[in-house]
C-alpha atoms as a PDB file:
ATOM      1  CA  MET A   1     143.702 103.915  11.994  1.00  0.00           C
ATOM      2  CA  LEU A   2     145.500 100.755  10.911  1.00  0.00           C
ATOM      3  CA  LEU A   3     143.848  97.524  12.030  1.00  0.00           C
ATOM      4  CA  THR A   4     145.395  94.076  12.116  1.00  0.00           C
ATOM      5  CA  LYS A   5     143.156  91.042  11.741  1.00  0.00           C
ATOM      6  CA  TRP A   6     142.645  89.222  15.027  1.00  0.00           C
ATOM      7  CA  LYS A   7     143.991  85.691  15.460  1.00  0.00           C
ATOM      8  CA  LYS A   8     142.861  83.414  18.270  1.00  0.00           C
ATOM      9  CA  GLY A   9     145.353  83.667  21.116  1.00  0.00           C
ATOM     10  CA  ASP A  10     146.418  87.253  20.310  1.00  0.00           C
ATOM     11  CA  ASN A  11     145.387  88.554  23.746  1.00  0.00           C
ATOM     12  CA  SER A  12     148.689  87.984  25.502  1.00  0.00           C
ATOM     13  CA  LEU A  13     150.707  89.671  28.211  1.00  0.00           C
ATOM     14  CA  ALA A  14     152.843  91.178  25.456  1.00  0.00           C
ATOM     15  CA  ASP A  15     149.736  92.955  24.117  1.00  0.00           C
ATOM     16  CA  LEU A  16     149.324  94.744  27.446  1.00  0.00           C
ATOM     17  CA  ASP A  17     152.972  95.839  27.705  1.00  0.00           C
ATOM     18  CA  PRO A  18     155.434  94.408  25.163  1.00  0.00           C
ATOM     19  CA  MET A  19     158.412  95.603  27.245  1.00  0.00           C
ATOM     20  CA  SER A  20     157.236  93.876  30.417  1.00  0.00           C
ATOM     21  CA  PRO A  21     159.378  90.960  31.614  1.00  0.00           C
ATOM     22  CA  LEU A  22     156.097  89.082  32.124  1.00  0.00           C
ATOM     23  CA  SER A  23     155.602  88.995  28.354  1.00  0.00           C
ATOM     24  CA  LEU A  24     158.299  86.288  28.286  1.00  0.00           C
ATOM     25  CA  PHE A  25     155.751  83.931  29.845  1.00  0.00           C
ATOM     26  CA  ASP A  26     153.771  84.055  26.598  1.00  0.00           C
ATOM     27  CA  GLU A  27     156.709  82.488  24.804  1.00  0.00           C
ATOM     28  CA  LEU A  28     157.509  79.922  27.505  1.00  0.00           C
ATOM     29  CA  TRP A  29     153.950  78.851  28.327  1.00  0.00           C
ATOM     30  CA  PRO A  30     151.496  79.547  25.530  1.00  0.00           C
ATOM     31  CA  SER A  31     147.930  80.150  26.573  1.00  0.00           C
ATOM     32  CA  ALA A  32     146.510  77.295  24.503  1.00  0.00           C
ATOM     33  CA  MET A  33     144.692  75.934  27.559  1.00  0.00           C
ATOM     34  CA  LEU A  34     142.751  79.171  27.993  1.00  0.00           C
ATOM     35  CA  GLU A  35     140.468  80.413  25.251  1.00  0.00           C
ATOM     36  CA  ASN A  36     141.729  83.793  24.051  1.00  0.00           C
ATOM     37  CA  GLY A  37     144.478  83.681  26.681  1.00  0.00           C
ATOM     38  CA  ARG A  38     142.250  84.329  29.690  1.00  0.00           C
ATOM     39  CA  PRO A  39     139.472  82.322  31.335  1.00  0.00           C
ATOM     40  CA  PHE A  40     135.975  83.736  31.693  1.00  0.00           C
ATOM     41  CA  SER A  41     135.506  84.623  35.338  1.00  0.00           C
ATOM     42  CA  PRO A  42     132.954  87.336  36.091  1.00  0.00           C
ATOM     43  CA  PRO A  43     134.186  90.062  38.450  1.00  0.00           C
ATOM     44  CA  MET A  44     132.782  89.788  41.960  1.00  0.00           C
ATOM     45  CA  ASP A  45     132.544  92.112  44.967  1.00  0.00           C
ATOM     46  CA  VAL A  46     131.854  90.759  48.459  1.00  0.00           C
ATOM     47  CA  SER A  47     130.984  93.029  51.379  1.00  0.00           C
ATOM     48  CA  GLU A  48     129.667  92.605  54.908  1.00  0.00           C
ATOM     49  CA  THR A  49     127.493  94.503  57.348  1.00  0.00           C
ATOM     50  CA  ASP A  50     126.578  93.556  60.903  1.00  0.00           C
ATOM     51  CA  ASN A  51     123.501  91.713  59.605  1.00  0.00           C
ATOM     52  CA  GLU A  52     124.471  90.186  56.251  1.00  0.00           C
ATOM     53  CA  TYR A  53     126.998  89.453  53.547  1.00  0.00           C
ATOM     54  CA  HIS A  54     126.416  90.986  50.126  1.00  0.00           C
ATOM     55  CA  VAL A  55     127.764  89.593  46.836  1.00  0.00           C
ATOM     56  CA  ARG A  56     127.674  91.505  43.534  1.00  0.00           C
ATOM     57  CA  VAL A  57     128.668  89.810  40.283  1.00  0.00           C
ATOM     58  CA  GLU A  58     128.870  91.534  36.903  1.00  0.00           C
ATOM     59  CA  ILE A  59     127.586  89.208  34.174  1.00  0.00           C
ATOM     60  CA  PRO A  60     126.468  91.394  31.265  1.00  0.00           C
ATOM     61  CA  GLY A  61     124.997  89.621  28.272  1.00  0.00           C
ATOM     62  CA  MET A  62     123.590  86.720  30.299  1.00  0.00           C
ATOM     63  CA  GLU A  63     120.040  85.861  31.273  1.00  0.00           C
ATOM     64  CA  LYS A  64     119.076  84.764  34.780  1.00  0.00           C
ATOM     65  CA  GLU A  65     118.095  81.353  33.367  1.00  0.00           C
ATOM     66  CA  ASP A  66     121.760  80.797  32.422  1.00  0.00           C
ATOM     67  CA  ILE A  67     122.968  81.248  36.012  1.00  0.00           C
ATOM     68  CA  SER A  68     122.862  78.683  38.818  1.00  0.00           C
ATOM     69  CA  ILE A  69     123.118  79.660  42.498  1.00  0.00           C
ATOM     70  CA  GLU A  70     123.488  77.040  45.232  1.00  0.00           C
ATOM     71  CA  PHE A  71     124.077  77.418  48.954  1.00  0.00           C
ATOM     72  CA  GLU A  72     125.069  74.348  50.945  1.00  0.00           C
ATOM     73  CA  ASN A  73     127.121  73.929  54.137  1.00  0.00           C
ATOM     74  CA  ASN A  74     127.844  77.680  54.210  1.00  0.00           C
ATOM     75  CA  VAL A  75     129.330  77.568  50.683  1.00  0.00           C
ATOM     76  CA  LEU A  76     127.823  79.777  47.985  1.00  0.00           C
ATOM     77  CA  THR A  77     128.413  78.367  44.491  1.00  0.00           C
ATOM     78  CA  LEU A  78     127.700  80.352  41.332  1.00  0.00           C
ATOM     79  CA  SER A  79     127.950  78.741  37.923  1.00  0.00           C
ATOM     80  CA  GLY A  80     126.839  79.419  34.399  1.00  0.00           C
ATOM     81  CA  GLU A  81     127.868  79.720  30.810  1.00  0.00           C
ATOM     82  CA  LYS A  82     128.111  82.812  28.659  1.00  0.00           C
ATOM     83  CA  GLN A  83     127.567  81.834  25.036  1.00  0.00           C
ATOM     84  CA  THR A  84     129.500  83.407  22.189  1.00  0.00           C
ATOM     85  CA  THR A  85     127.630  85.608  19.779  1.00  0.00           C
ATOM     86  CA  ASN A  86     127.154  84.399  16.219  1.00  0.00           C
ATOM     87  CA  GLU A  87     129.649  86.057  13.934  1.00  0.00           C
ATOM     88  CA  GLU A  88     128.816  86.904  10.366  1.00  0.00           C
ATOM     89  CA  LYS A  89     130.722  84.627   8.010  1.00  0.00           C
ATOM     90  CA  ASN A  90     131.776  87.573   5.823  1.00  0.00           C
ATOM     91  CA  GLU A  91     132.853  89.628   8.823  1.00  0.00           C
ATOM     92  CA  LYS A  92     136.562  90.249   9.529  1.00  0.00           C
ATOM     93  CA  VAL A  93     137.337  90.240  13.249  1.00  0.00           C
ATOM     94  CA  TYR A  94     140.087  92.638  14.352  1.00  0.00           C
ATOM     95  CA  ARG A  95     139.982  92.243  18.123  1.00  0.00           C
ATOM     96  CA  VAL A  96     138.104  90.106  20.646  1.00  0.00           C
ATOM     97  CA  GLU A  97     138.123  91.330  24.254  1.00  0.00           C
ATOM     98  CA  ARG A  98     134.799  90.035  25.535  1.00  0.00           C
ATOM     99  CA  ARG A  99     135.043  86.721  27.409  1.00  0.00           C
ATOM    100  CA  TYR A 100     132.823  83.699  26.939  1.00  0.00           C
ATOM    101  CA  GLY A 101     132.612  80.244  28.427  1.00  0.00           C
ATOM    102  CA  SER A 102     131.663  78.433  31.600  1.00  0.00           C
ATOM    103  CA  PHE A 103     132.413  79.718  35.064  1.00  0.00           C
ATOM    104  CA  LEU A 104     132.240  78.296  38.581  1.00  0.00           C
ATOM    105  CA  ARG A 105     132.860  80.427  41.660  1.00  0.00           C
ATOM    106  CA  SER A 106     132.568  79.233  45.270  1.00  0.00           C
ATOM    107  CA  LEU A 107     132.757  81.278  48.461  1.00  0.00           C
ATOM    108  CA  ARG A 108     132.600  80.078  52.065  1.00  0.00           C
ATOM    109  CA  PHE A 109     130.677  82.132  54.614  1.00  0.00           C
ATOM    110  CA  ALA A 110     130.298  81.764  58.371  1.00  0.00           C
ATOM    111  CA  ASP A 111     126.863  81.244  59.903  1.00  0.00           C
ATOM    112  CA  VAL A 112     124.426  82.257  57.156  1.00  0.00           C
ATOM    113  CA  ASP A 113     120.670  81.767  57.499  1.00  0.00           C
ATOM    114  CA  SER A 114     120.254  79.709  54.306  1.00  0.00           C
ATOM    115  CA  GLU A 115     116.444  80.000  54.372  1.00  0.00           C
ATOM    116  CA  LYS A 116     116.659  83.778  53.932  1.00  0.00           C
ATOM    117  CA  VAL A 117     119.259  84.017  51.131  1.00  0.00           C
ATOM    118  CA  GLN A 118     117.901  86.164  48.274  1.00  0.00           C
ATOM    119  CA  ALA A 119     119.178  86.945  44.780  1.00  0.00           C
ATOM    120  CA  THR A 120     118.220  89.539  42.177  1.00  0.00           C
ATOM    121  CA  PHE A 121     119.478  90.022  38.624  1.00  0.00           C
ATOM    122  CA  LYS A 122     119.096  93.371  36.892  1.00  0.00           C
ATOM    123  CA  ASN A 123     121.015  95.100  34.086  1.00  0.00           C
ATOM    124  CA  GLY A 124     123.682  92.387  34.013  1.00  0.00           C
ATOM    125  CA  VAL A 125     124.421  92.563  37.747  1.00  0.00           C
ATOM    126  CA  LEU A 126     123.645  89.633  40.046  1.00  0.00           C
ATOM    127  CA  GLU A 127     123.173  90.630  43.692  1.00  0.00           C
ATOM    128  CA  ILE A 128     122.969  88.069  46.487  1.00  0.00           C
ATOM    129  CA  ASP A 129     122.075  88.897  50.091  1.00  0.00           C
ATOM    130  CA  LEU A 130     123.136  86.329  52.683  1.00  0.00           C
ATOM    131  CA  PRO A 131     121.647  87.195  56.105  1.00  0.00           C
ATOM    132  CA  LYS A 132     123.716  86.164  59.113  1.00  0.00           C
ATOM    133  CA  THR A 133     122.294  83.945  61.825  1.00  0.00           C
ATOM    134  CA  GLU A 134     121.797  85.479  65.258  1.00  0.00           C
ATOM    135  CA  LEU A 135     124.937  83.670  66.456  1.00  0.00           C
ATOM    136  CA  ALA A 136     127.078  85.383  63.821  1.00  0.00           C
ATOM    137  CA  LYS A 137     125.843  88.916  64.477  1.00  0.00           C
ATOM    138  CA  PRO A 138     128.046  91.043  66.735  1.00  0.00           C
ATOM    139  CA  LYS A 139     126.691  91.626  70.206  1.00  0.00           C
ATOM    140  CA  LYS A 140     127.407  94.547  72.477  1.00  0.00           C
ATOM    141  CA  ILE A 141     128.383  93.509  75.972  1.00  0.00           C
ATOM    142  CA  ASP A 142     127.531  95.927  78.759  1.00  0.00           C
ATOM    143  CA  ILE A 143     129.962  96.259  81.612  1.00  0.00           C
ATOM    144  CA  THR A 144     128.350  95.859  85.032  1.00  0.00           C
END
């Protein structure tokens, strides 16, 4: 297998599909503002049941002490910073696909009981349960 030494900024749209018309954007607007061409933004799933909202965020390689969770005025805000790993000075890097840096994600929810919000962090997955208030829960109306 032939490897080419990695250069910062090599992760472009042209790398994904060099024939794609979108690869022209790499030439017109270089990704200098974004480290490695893409920002670090952990993937997030949000789901809902009758009783609560559930948020799952994949943040492998981070510790819970590096993550901040705030809930105010029905807005959940997650922030943190994933530090780069120390590279060996004699090591040649051929490709960098892992993302590092600061992130800030905010989501607005309707009628959450902020006193009962709970979060767990296990195996690189942050899970947040946001129980709904009684007003937000669906109610069955009987016909008389």
